[in-house]
Amino acid sequence: MNLGSAEEELLAPLPNIYFGGAYALQENLIFYYGGGWMSLTYGDYDGELYFARGTLEYWPFDHVGLGVGCAYTQADIEYVTNNKKERYNLKMPGPMIYLAVGF
């Protein structure tokens, strides 16, 4: 059974703002920070994304470092059709621990 085919393409600028930076507290201890916002409307969907992050990296070796920090992500999405409206609000805050490898 052949159900047919469909194709769709979207090419549009997304409004967004981003800021970030780094500060070396010592030669092997670096503080990174960043955050931003992005918005998109497509068809019946409208949404925004917010994010922020701060980390502290310690590089005890030339090519290997360890990091700890905190990240926050929030997505607000709204779906509206003729007879219904749905809203989704997703928040993901939390700590993080990671291994960094550099060359």
PDB file of N, CA and C in Angstrom:
ATOM      1  N   MET A   1       0.841  -1.161   0.000  1.00  0.00           N
ATOM      2  CA  MET A   1       0.000   0.000   0.000  1.00  0.00           C
ATOM      3  C   MET A   1       0.895   1.236   0.000  1.00  0.00           C
ATOM      4  N   ASN A   2       0.646   2.150  -0.898  1.00  0.00           N
ATOM      5  CA  ASN A   2       1.405   3.377  -1.016  1.00  0.00           C
ATOM      6  C   ASN A   2       0.601   4.516  -0.384  1.00  0.00           C
ATOM      7  N   LEU A   3       1.156   5.134   0.664  1.00  0.00           N
ATOM      8  CA  LEU A   3       0.472   6.240   1.336  1.00  0.00           C
ATOM      9  C   LEU A   3       0.855   7.590   0.762  1.00  0.00           C
ATOM     10  N   GLY A   4       1.745   7.617  -0.214  1.00  0.00           N
ATOM     11  CA  GLY A   4       2.156   8.868  -0.826  1.00  0.00           C
ATOM     12  C   GLY A   4       3.404   9.410  -0.174  1.00  0.00           C
ATOM     13  N   SER A   5       3.773  10.625  -0.522  1.00  0.00           N
ATOM     14  CA  SER A   5       4.963  11.253   0.046  1.00  0.00           C
ATOM     15  C   SER A   5       4.684  12.732   0.260  1.00  0.00           C
ATOM     16  N   ALA A   6       5.493  13.324   1.124  1.00  0.00           N
ATOM     17  CA  ALA A   6       5.362  14.746   1.408  1.00  0.00           C
ATOM     18  C   ALA A   6       6.747  15.319   1.644  1.00  0.00           C
ATOM     19  N   GLU A   7       6.875  16.593   1.363  1.00  0.00           N
ATOM     20  CA  GLU A   7       8.149  17.272   1.571  1.00  0.00           C
ATOM     21  C   GLU A   7       7.865  18.689   2.046  1.00  0.00           C
ATOM     22  N   GLU A   8       8.677  19.139   3.006  1.00  0.00           N
ATOM     23  CA  GLU A   8       8.509  20.490   3.533  1.00  0.00           C
ATOM     24  C   GLU A   8       9.875  21.050   3.856  1.00  0.00           C
ATOM     25  N   GLU A   9      10.043  22.335   3.647  1.00  0.00           N
ATOM     26  CA  GLU A   9      11.333  22.968   3.904  1.00  0.00           C
ATOM     27  C   GLU A   9      11.103  24.289   4.617  1.00  0.00           C
ATOM     28  N   LEU A  10      11.940  24.577   5.600  1.00  0.00           N
ATOM     29  CA  LEU A  10      11.859  25.829   6.335  1.00  0.00           C
ATOM     30  C   LEU A  10      13.247  26.448   6.390  1.00  0.00           C
ATOM     31  N   LEU A  11      13.341  27.655   5.920  1.00  0.00           N
ATOM     32  CA  LEU A  11      14.586  28.411   6.008  1.00  0.00           C
ATOM     33  C   LEU A  11      14.212  29.811   6.477  1.00  0.00           C
ATOM     34  N   ALA A  12      14.508  30.096   7.741  1.00  0.00           N
ATOM     35  CA  ALA A  12      14.139  31.388   8.296  1.00  0.00           C
ATOM     36  C   ALA A  12      15.122  31.760   9.388  1.00  0.00           C
ATOM     37  N   PRO A  13      15.345  33.028   9.582  1.00  0.00           N
ATOM     38  CA  PRO A  13      16.210  33.430  10.706  1.00  0.00           C
ATOM     39  C   PRO A  13      15.473  33.227  12.026  1.00  0.00           C
ATOM     40  N   LEU A  14      16.168  32.706  13.013  1.00  0.00           N
ATOM     41  CA  LEU A  14      15.587  32.525  14.331  1.00  0.00           C
ATOM     42  C   LEU A  14      16.051  33.656  15.230  1.00  0.00           C
ATOM     43  N   PRO A  15      15.108  34.397  15.832  1.00  0.00           N
ATOM     44  CA  PRO A  15      15.544  35.444  16.753  1.00  0.00           C
ATOM     45  C   PRO A  15      16.179  34.814  17.998  1.00  0.00           C
ATOM     46  N   ASN A  16      17.391  35.220  18.306  1.00  0.00           N
ATOM     47  CA  ASN A  16      18.061  34.668  19.472  1.00  0.00           C
ATOM     48  C   ASN A  16      19.074  35.660  20.019  1.00  0.00           C
ATOM     49  N   ILE A  17      19.365  35.472  21.289  1.00  0.00           N
ATOM     50  CA  ILE A  17      20.368  36.267  21.998  1.00  0.00           C
ATOM     51  C   ILE A  17      21.241  35.294  22.766  1.00  0.00           C
ATOM     52  N   TYR A  18      22.564  35.502  22.724  1.00  0.00           N
ATOM     53  CA  TYR A  18      23.483  34.650  23.476  1.00  0.00           C
ATOM     54  C   TYR A  18      24.586  35.515  24.063  1.00  0.00           C
ATOM     55  N   PHE A  19      24.963  35.211  25.292  1.00  0.00           N
ATOM     56  CA  PHE A  19      26.111  35.862  25.900  1.00  0.00           C
ATOM     57  C   PHE A  19      26.945  34.786  26.576  1.00  0.00           C
ATOM     58  N   GLY A  20      28.215  35.023  26.686  1.00  0.00           N
ATOM     59  CA  GLY A  20      29.071  34.056  27.345  1.00  0.00           C
ATOM     60  C   GLY A  20      30.476  34.585  27.488  1.00  0.00           C
ATOM     61  N   GLY A  21      31.236  33.921  28.307  1.00  0.00           N
ATOM     62  CA  GLY A  21      32.605  34.334  28.501  1.00  0.00           C
ATOM     63  C   GLY A  21      33.350  33.373  29.396  1.00  0.00           C
ATOM     64  N   ALA A  22      34.587  33.688  29.628  1.00  0.00           N
ATOM     65  CA  ALA A  22      35.446  32.868  30.480  1.00  0.00           C
ATOM     66  C   ALA A  22      36.394  33.784  31.235  1.00  0.00           C
ATOM     67  N   TYR A  23      36.750  33.356  32.427  1.00  0.00           N
ATOM     68  CA  TYR A  23      37.694  34.109  33.240  1.00  0.00           C
ATOM     69  C   TYR A  23      38.665  33.120  33.873  1.00  0.00           C
ATOM     70  N   ALA A  24      39.953  33.312  33.633  1.00  0.00           N
ATOM     71  CA  ALA A  24      40.968  32.434  34.203  1.00  0.00           C
ATOM     72  C   ALA A  24      41.325  32.936  35.605  1.00  0.00           C
ATOM     73  N   LEU A  25      40.917  32.169  36.604  1.00  0.00           N
ATOM     74  CA  LEU A  25      41.237  32.515  37.988  1.00  0.00           C
ATOM     75  C   LEU A  25      42.708  32.237  38.280  1.00  0.00           C
ATOM     76  N   GLN A  26      43.212  31.156  37.715  1.00  0.00           N
ATOM     77  CA  GLN A  26      44.626  30.792  37.738  1.00  0.00           C
ATOM     78  C   GLN A  26      44.931  30.190  36.373  1.00  0.00           C
ATOM     79  N   GLU A  27      46.157  29.778  36.142  1.00  0.00           N
ATOM     80  CA  GLU A  27      46.525  29.225  34.845  1.00  0.00           C
ATOM     81  C   GLU A  27      45.750  27.941  34.531  1.00  0.00           C
ATOM     82  N   ASN A  28      45.417  27.149  35.531  1.00  0.00           N
ATOM     83  CA  ASN A  28      44.728  25.878  35.295  1.00  0.00           C
ATOM     84  C   ASN A  28      43.328  25.834  35.916  1.00  0.00           C
ATOM     85  N   LEU A  29      42.755  26.982  36.265  1.00  0.00           N
ATOM     86  CA  LEU A  29      41.421  27.063  36.862  1.00  0.00           C
ATOM     87  C   LEU A  29      40.630  28.143  36.126  1.00  0.00           C
ATOM     88  N   ILE A  30      39.569  27.721  35.415  1.00  0.00           N
ATOM     89  CA  ILE A  30      38.836  28.629  34.526  1.00  0.00           C
ATOM     90  C   ILE A  30      37.350  28.613  34.873  1.00  0.00           C
ATOM     91  N   PHE A  31      36.762  29.784  34.957  1.00  0.00           N
ATOM     92  CA  PHE A  31      35.327  29.939  35.179  1.00  0.00           C
ATOM     93  C   PHE A  31      34.669  30.298  33.845  1.00  0.00           C
ATOM     94  N   TYR A  32      33.691  29.492  33.406  1.00  0.00           N
ATOM     95  CA  TYR A  32      32.938  29.739  32.176  1.00  0.00           C
ATOM     96  C   TYR A  32      31.496  30.099  32.541  1.00  0.00           C
ATOM     97  N   TYR A  33      30.901  31.013  31.784  1.00  0.00           N
ATOM     98  CA  TYR A  33      29.504  31.369  32.008  1.00  0.00           C
ATOM     99  C   TYR A  33      28.855  31.663  30.656  1.00  0.00           C
ATOM    100  N   GLY A  34      27.555  31.483  30.617  1.00  0.00           N
ATOM    101  CA  GLY A  34      26.839  31.774  29.387  1.00  0.00           C
ATOM    102  C   GLY A  34      25.347  31.608  29.575  1.00  0.00           C
ATOM    103  N   GLY A  35      24.608  32.156  28.647  1.00  0.00           N
ATOM    104  CA  GLY A  35      23.154  32.046  28.684  1.00  0.00           C
ATOM    105  C   GLY A  35      22.561  32.635  27.432  1.00  0.00           C
ATOM    106  N   GLY A  36      21.268  32.432  27.281  1.00  0.00           N
ATOM    107  CA  GLY A  36      20.639  32.985  26.097  1.00  0.00           C
ATOM    108  C   GLY A  36      19.161  32.695  26.006  1.00  0.00           C
ATOM    109  N   TRP A  37      18.612  33.104  24.882  1.00  0.00           N
ATOM    110  CA  TRP A  37      17.189  32.994  24.597  1.00  0.00           C
ATOM    111  C   TRP A  37      17.012  32.764  23.097  1.00  0.00           C
ATOM    112  N   MET A  38      16.007  31.965  22.745  1.00  0.00           N
ATOM    113  CA  MET A  38      15.682  31.737  21.342  1.00  0.00           C
ATOM    114  C   MET A  38      14.170  31.605  21.221  1.00  0.00           C
ATOM    115  N   SER A  39      13.613  32.103  20.129  1.00  0.00           N
ATOM    116  CA  SER A  39      12.174  32.059  19.904  1.00  0.00           C
ATOM    117  C   SER A  39      11.888  31.515  18.503  1.00  0.00           C
ATOM    118  N   LEU A  40      10.795  30.758  18.380  1.00  0.00           N
ATOM    119  CA  LEU A  40      10.421  30.199  17.083  1.00  0.00           C
ATOM    120  C   LEU A  40       8.911  30.052  17.000  1.00  0.00           C
ATOM    121  N   THR A  41       8.335  30.470  15.875  1.00  0.00           N
ATOM    122  CA  THR A  41       6.936  30.240  15.561  1.00  0.00           C
ATOM    123  C   THR A  41       6.893  29.474  14.246  1.00  0.00           C
ATOM    124  N   TYR A  42       6.183  28.328  14.263  1.00  0.00           N
ATOM    125  CA  TYR A  42       6.101  27.502  13.067  1.00  0.00           C
ATOM    126  C   TYR A  42       4.728  26.846  13.022  1.00  0.00           C
ATOM    127  N   GLY A  43       3.934  27.197  12.037  1.00  0.00           N
ATOM    128  CA  GLY A  43       2.598  26.624  11.919  1.00  0.00           C
ATOM    129  C   GLY A  43       1.762  26.950  13.146  1.00  0.00           C
ATOM    130  N   ASP A  44       1.227  25.918  13.795  1.00  0.00           N
ATOM    131  CA  ASP A  44       0.402  26.086  14.989  1.00  0.00           C
ATOM    132  C   ASP A  44       1.216  26.135  16.276  1.00  0.00           C
ATOM    133  N   TYR A  45       2.553  26.091  16.171  1.00  0.00           N
ATOM    134  CA  TYR A  45       3.422  26.062  17.346  1.00  0.00           C
ATOM    135  C   TYR A  45       4.091  27.420  17.548  1.00  0.00           C
ATOM    136  N   ASP A  46       4.222  27.784  18.817  1.00  0.00           N
ATOM    137  CA  ASP A  46       4.925  29.002  19.198  1.00  0.00           C
ATOM    138  C   ASP A  46       5.710  28.679  20.460  1.00  0.00           C
ATOM    139  N   GLY A  47       7.000  29.029  20.484  1.00  0.00           N
ATOM    140  CA  GLY A  47       7.771  28.661  21.654  1.00  0.00           C
ATOM    141  C   GLY A  47       9.000  29.503  21.877  1.00  0.00           C
ATOM    142  N   GLU A  48       9.505  29.401  23.115  1.00  0.00           N
ATOM    143  CA  GLU A  48      10.724  30.093  23.504  1.00  0.00           C
ATOM    144  C   GLU A  48      11.597  29.134  24.312  1.00  0.00           C
ATOM    145  N   LEU A  49      12.904  29.348  24.220  1.00  0.00           N
ATOM    146  CA  LEU A  49      13.873  28.544  24.949  1.00  0.00           C
ATOM    147  C   LEU A  49      14.821  29.491  25.678  1.00  0.00           C
ATOM    148  N   TYR A  50      14.994  29.269  26.977  1.00  0.00           N
ATOM    149  CA  TYR A  50      15.918  30.035  27.801  1.00  0.00           C
ATOM    150  C   TYR A  50      16.956  29.068  28.365  1.00  0.00           C
ATOM    151  N   PHE A  51      18.208  29.503  28.456  1.00  0.00           N
ATOM    152  CA  PHE A  51      19.230  28.627  29.022  1.00  0.00           C
ATOM    153  C   PHE A  51      20.331  29.462  29.666  1.00  0.00           C
ATOM    154  N   ALA A  52      20.915  28.896  30.728  1.00  0.00           N
ATOM    155  CA  ALA A  52      22.026  29.542  31.422  1.00  0.00           C
ATOM    156  C   ALA A  52      22.928  28.448  31.976  1.00  0.00           C
ATOM    157  N   ARG A  53      24.211  28.765  32.097  1.00  0.00           N
ATOM    158  CA  ARG A  53      25.176  27.773  32.569  1.00  0.00           C
ATOM    159  C   ARG A  53      26.394  28.469  33.151  1.00  0.00           C
ATOM    160  N   GLY A  54      26.887  27.926  34.240  1.00  0.00           N
ATOM    161  CA  GLY A  54      28.127  28.394  34.842  1.00  0.00           C
ATOM    162  C   GLY A  54      28.942  27.185  35.278  1.00  0.00           C
ATOM    163  N   THR A  55      30.216  27.149  34.917  1.00  0.00           N
ATOM    164  CA  THR A  55      31.063  26.003  35.266  1.00  0.00           C
ATOM    165  C   THR A  55      32.434  26.475  35.723  1.00  0.00           C
ATOM    166  N   LEU A  56      33.069  25.622  36.485  1.00  0.00           N
ATOM    167  CA  LEU A  56      34.430  25.849  36.945  1.00  0.00           C
ATOM    168  C   LEU A  56      35.249  24.632  36.524  1.00  0.00           C
ATOM    169  N   GLU A  57      36.273  24.866  35.704  1.00  0.00           N
ATOM    170  CA  GLU A  57      37.123  23.776  35.201  1.00  0.00           C
ATOM    171  C   GLU A  57      38.511  23.842  35.818  1.00  0.00           C
ATOM    172  N   TYR A  58      38.988  22.696  36.235  1.00  0.00           N
ATOM    173  CA  TYR A  58      40.341  22.551  36.771  1.00  0.00           C
ATOM    174  C   TYR A  58      41.107  21.613  35.843  1.00  0.00           C
ATOM    175  N   TRP A  59      42.271  22.050  35.338  1.00  0.00           N
ATOM    176  CA  TRP A  59      43.087  21.291  34.400  1.00  0.00           C
ATOM    177  C   TRP A  59      44.372  20.841  35.099  1.00  0.00           C
ATOM    178  N   PRO A  60      44.346  19.683  35.782  1.00  0.00           N
ATOM    179  CA  PRO A  60      45.551  19.212  36.470  1.00  0.00           C
ATOM    180  C   PRO A  60      46.604  18.656  35.509  1.00  0.00           C
ATOM    181  N   PHE A  61      46.199  18.283  34.296  1.00  0.00           N
ATOM    182  CA  PHE A  61      47.099  17.735  33.275  1.00  0.00           C
ATOM    183  C   PHE A  61      47.017  18.611  32.024  1.00  0.00           C
ATOM    184  N   ASP A  62      47.948  18.442  31.101  1.00  0.00           N
ATOM    185  CA  ASP A  62      47.989  19.282  29.893  1.00  0.00           C
ATOM    186  C   ASP A  62      46.737  19.143  29.025  1.00  0.00           C
ATOM    187  N   HIS A  63      46.207  17.942  28.889  1.00  0.00           N
ATOM    188  CA  HIS A  63      45.099  17.710  27.959  1.00  0.00           C
ATOM    189  C   HIS A  63      43.835  17.184  28.618  1.00  0.00           C
ATOM    190  N   VAL A  64      43.781  17.112  29.938  1.00  0.00           N
ATOM    191  CA  VAL A  64      42.612  16.567  30.636  1.00  0.00           C
ATOM    192  C   VAL A  64      42.236  17.492  31.792  1.00  0.00           C
ATOM    193  N   GLY A  65      40.945  17.825  31.860  1.00  0.00           N
ATOM    194  CA  GLY A  65      40.443  18.672  32.927  1.00  0.00           C
ATOM    195  C   GLY A  65      39.171  18.114  33.531  1.00  0.00           C
ATOM    196  N   LEU A  66      38.821  18.609  34.684  1.00  0.00           N
ATOM    197  CA  LEU A  66      37.595  18.223  35.380  1.00  0.00           C
ATOM    198  C   LEU A  66      36.744  19.465  35.569  1.00  0.00           C
ATOM    199  N   GLY A  67      35.439  19.305  35.458  1.00  0.00           N
ATOM    200  CA  GLY A  67      34.559  20.450  35.594  1.00  0.00           C
ATOM    201  C   GLY A  67      33.359  20.168  36.470  1.00  0.00           C
ATOM    202  N   VAL A  68      32.903  21.202  37.158  1.00  0.00           N
ATOM    203  CA  VAL A  68      31.660  21.167  37.925  1.00  0.00           C
ATOM    204  C   VAL A  68      30.903  22.447  37.602  1.00  0.00           C
ATOM    205  N   GLY A  69      29.596  22.373  37.719  1.00  0.00           N
ATOM    206  CA  GLY A  69      28.824  23.571  37.426  1.00  0.00           C
ATOM    207  C   GLY A  69      27.354  23.359  37.614  1.00  0.00           C
ATOM    208  N   CYS A  70      26.608  24.323  37.132  1.00  0.00           N
ATOM    209  CA  CYS A  70      25.156  24.297  37.224  1.00  0.00           C
ATOM    210  C   CYS A  70      24.582  24.785  35.893  1.00  0.00           C
ATOM    211  N   ALA A  71      23.521  24.123  35.443  1.00  0.00           N
ATOM    212  CA  ALA A  71      22.871  24.507  34.186  1.00  0.00           C
ATOM    213  C   ALA A  71      21.372  24.652  34.415  1.00  0.00           C
ATOM    214  N   TYR A  72      20.755  25.516  33.635  1.00  0.00           N
ATOM    215  CA  TYR A  72      19.308  25.737  33.715  1.00  0.00           C
ATOM    216  C   TYR A  72      18.784  25.885  32.291  1.00  0.00           C
ATOM    217  N   THR A  73      17.758  25.114  31.972  1.00  0.00           N
ATOM    218  CA  THR A  73      17.102  25.193  30.662  1.00  0.00           C
ATOM    219  C   THR A  73      15.603  25.246  30.879  1.00  0.00           C
ATOM    220  N   GLN A  74      14.934  26.135  30.149  1.00  0.00           N
ATOM    221  CA  GLN A  74      13.482  26.239  30.230  1.00  0.00           C
ATOM    222  C   GLN A  74      12.918  26.386  28.823  1.00  0.00           C
ATOM    223  N   ALA A  75      11.910  25.591  28.512  1.00  0.00           N
ATOM    224  CA  ALA A  75      11.228  25.668  27.219  1.00  0.00           C
ATOM    225  C   ALA A  75       9.744  25.916  27.465  1.00  0.00           C
ATOM    226  N   ASP A  76       9.205  26.942  26.839  1.00  0.00           N
ATOM    227  CA  ASP A  76       7.775  27.260  26.903  1.00  0.00           C
ATOM    228  C   ASP A  76       7.218  27.110  25.498  1.00  0.00           C
ATOM    229  N   ILE A  77       6.312  26.146  25.315  1.00  0.00           N
ATOM    230  CA  ILE A  77       5.768  25.848  23.988  1.00  0.00           C
ATOM    231  C   ILE A  77       4.252  25.919  24.050  1.00  0.00           C
ATOM    232  N   GLU A  78       3.663  26.534  23.026  1.00  0.00           N
ATOM    233  CA  GLU A  78       2.212  26.627  22.936  1.00  0.00           C
ATOM    234  C   GLU A  78       1.758  26.112  21.573  1.00  0.00           C
ATOM    235  N   TYR A  79       0.722  25.268  21.584  1.00  0.00           N
ATOM    236  CA  TYR A  79       0.161  24.695  20.364  1.00  0.00           C
ATOM    237  C   TYR A  79      -1.314  25.089  20.316  1.00  0.00           C
ATOM    238  N   VAL A  80      -1.710  25.826  19.274  1.00  0.00           N
ATOM    239  CA  VAL A  80      -3.078  26.314  19.169  1.00  0.00           C
ATOM    240  C   VAL A  80      -3.660  25.887  17.830  1.00  0.00           C
ATOM    241  N   THR A  81      -4.820  25.225  17.873  1.00  0.00           N
ATOM    242  CA  THR A  81      -5.581  24.912  16.658  1.00  0.00           C
ATOM    243  C   THR A  81      -6.961  25.537  16.816  1.00  0.00           C
ATOM    244  N   ASN A  82      -7.853  25.242  15.899  1.00  0.00           N
ATOM    245  CA  ASN A  82      -9.189  25.838  15.931  1.00  0.00           C
ATOM    246  C   ASN A  82      -9.970  25.481  17.188  1.00  0.00           C
ATOM    247  N   ASN A  83      -9.813  24.270  17.692  1.00  0.00           N
ATOM    248  CA  ASN A  83     -10.662  23.848  18.805  1.00  0.00           C
ATOM    249  C   ASN A  83      -9.894  23.472  20.074  1.00  0.00           C
ATOM    250  N   LYS A  84      -8.600  23.646  20.124  1.00  0.00           N
ATOM    251  CA  LYS A  84      -7.885  23.332  21.362  1.00  0.00           C
ATOM    252  C   LYS A  84      -6.607  24.152  21.484  1.00  0.00           C
ATOM    253  N   LYS A  85      -6.159  24.275  22.736  1.00  0.00           N
ATOM    254  CA  LYS A  85      -4.937  24.996  23.046  1.00  0.00           C
ATOM    255  C   LYS A  85      -4.161  24.172  24.066  1.00  0.00           C
ATOM    256  N   GLU A  86      -2.891  23.911  23.767  1.00  0.00           N
ATOM    257  CA  GLU A  86      -2.033  23.157  24.670  1.00  0.00           C
ATOM    258  C   GLU A  86      -0.822  24.008  25.010  1.00  0.00           C
ATOM    259  N   ARG A  87      -0.419  23.947  26.292  1.00  0.00           N
ATOM    260  CA  ARG A  87       0.789  24.663  26.748  1.00  0.00           C
ATOM    261  C   ARG A  87       1.703  23.664  27.433  1.00  0.00           C
ATOM    262  N   TYR A  88       2.982  23.788  27.131  1.00  0.00           N
ATOM    263  CA  TYR A  88       3.998  22.949  27.754  1.00  0.00           C
ATOM    264  C   TYR A  88       5.064  23.857  28.343  1.00  0.00           C
ATOM    265  N   ASN A  89       5.399  23.613  29.596  1.00  0.00           N
ATOM    266  CA  ASN A  89       6.427  24.389  30.276  1.00  0.00           C
ATOM    267  C   ASN A  89       7.399  23.385  30.878  1.00  0.00           C
ATOM    268  N   LEU A  90       8.582  23.304  30.320  1.00  0.00           N
ATOM    269  CA  LEU A  90       9.589  22.339  30.735  1.00  0.00           C
ATOM    270  C   LEU A  90      10.761  23.077  31.361  1.00  0.00           C
ATOM    271  N   LYS A  91      11.128  22.683  32.594  1.00  0.00           N
ATOM    272  CA  LYS A  91      12.276  23.281  33.281  1.00  0.00           C
ATOM    273  C   LYS A  91      13.242  22.172  33.661  1.00  0.00           C
ATOM    274  N   MET A  92      14.516  22.377  33.370  1.00  0.00           N
ATOM    275  CA  MET A  92      15.548  21.396  33.701  1.00  0.00           C
ATOM    276  C   MET A  92      16.718  22.102  34.386  1.00  0.00           C
ATOM    277  N   PRO A  93      16.644  22.320  35.701  1.00  0.00           N
ATOM    278  CA  PRO A  93      17.780  22.879  36.423  1.00  0.00           C
ATOM    279  C   PRO A  93      18.599  21.761  37.050  1.00  0.00           C
ATOM    280  N   GLY A  94      19.856  22.016  37.274  1.00  0.00           N
ATOM    281  CA  GLY A  94      20.611  21.016  37.993  1.00  0.00           C
ATOM    282  C   GLY A  94      22.115  21.149  37.897  1.00  0.00           C
ATOM    283  N   PRO A  95      22.774  20.427  38.787  1.00  0.00           N
ATOM    284  CA  PRO A  95      24.237  20.427  38.803  1.00  0.00           C
ATOM    285  C   PRO A  95      24.802  19.496  37.737  1.00  0.00           C
ATOM    286  N   MET A  96      26.079  19.671  37.443  1.00  0.00           N
ATOM    287  CA  MET A  96      26.740  18.773  36.492  1.00  0.00           C
ATOM    288  C   MET A  96      28.204  18.598  36.882  1.00  0.00           C
ATOM    289  N   ILE A  97      28.725  17.432  36.558  1.00  0.00           N
ATOM    290  CA  ILE A  97      30.134  17.086  36.726  1.00  0.00           C
ATOM    291  C   ILE A  97      30.582  16.489  35.401  1.00  0.00           C
ATOM    292  N   TYR A  98      31.755  16.888  34.902  1.00  0.00           N
ATOM    293  CA  TYR A  98      32.177  16.378  33.603  1.00  0.00           C
ATOM    294  C   TYR A  98      33.690  16.312  33.487  1.00  0.00           C
ATOM    295  N   LEU A  99      34.118  15.593  32.472  1.00  0.00           N
ATOM    296  CA  LEU A  99      35.533  15.445  32.125  1.00  0.00           C
ATOM    297  C   LEU A  99      35.759  16.187  30.815  1.00  0.00           C
ATOM    298  N   ALA A 100      36.787  17.025  30.743  1.00  0.00           N
ATOM    299  CA  ALA A 100      37.106  17.790  29.541  1.00  0.00           C
ATOM    300  C   ALA A 100      38.435  17.301  28.977  1.00  0.00           C
ATOM    301  N   VAL A 101      38.464  17.112  27.656  1.00  0.00           N
ATOM    302  CA  VAL A 101      39.686  16.675  26.972  1.00  0.00           C
ATOM    303  C   VAL A 101      39.986  17.709  25.897  1.00  0.00           C
ATOM    304  N   GLY A 102      41.227  18.192  25.854  1.00  0.00           N
ATOM    305  CA  GLY A 102      41.612  19.195  24.883  1.00  0.00           C
ATOM    306  C   GLY A 102      42.905  18.813  24.169  1.00  0.00           C
ATOM    307  N   PHE A 103      43.041  19.291  22.934  1.00  0.00           N
ATOM    308  CA  PHE A 103      44.232  18.984  22.136  1.00  0.00           C
ATOM    309  C   PHE A 103      44.890  20.260  21.661  1.00  0.00           C
TER     310      PHE A 103
END
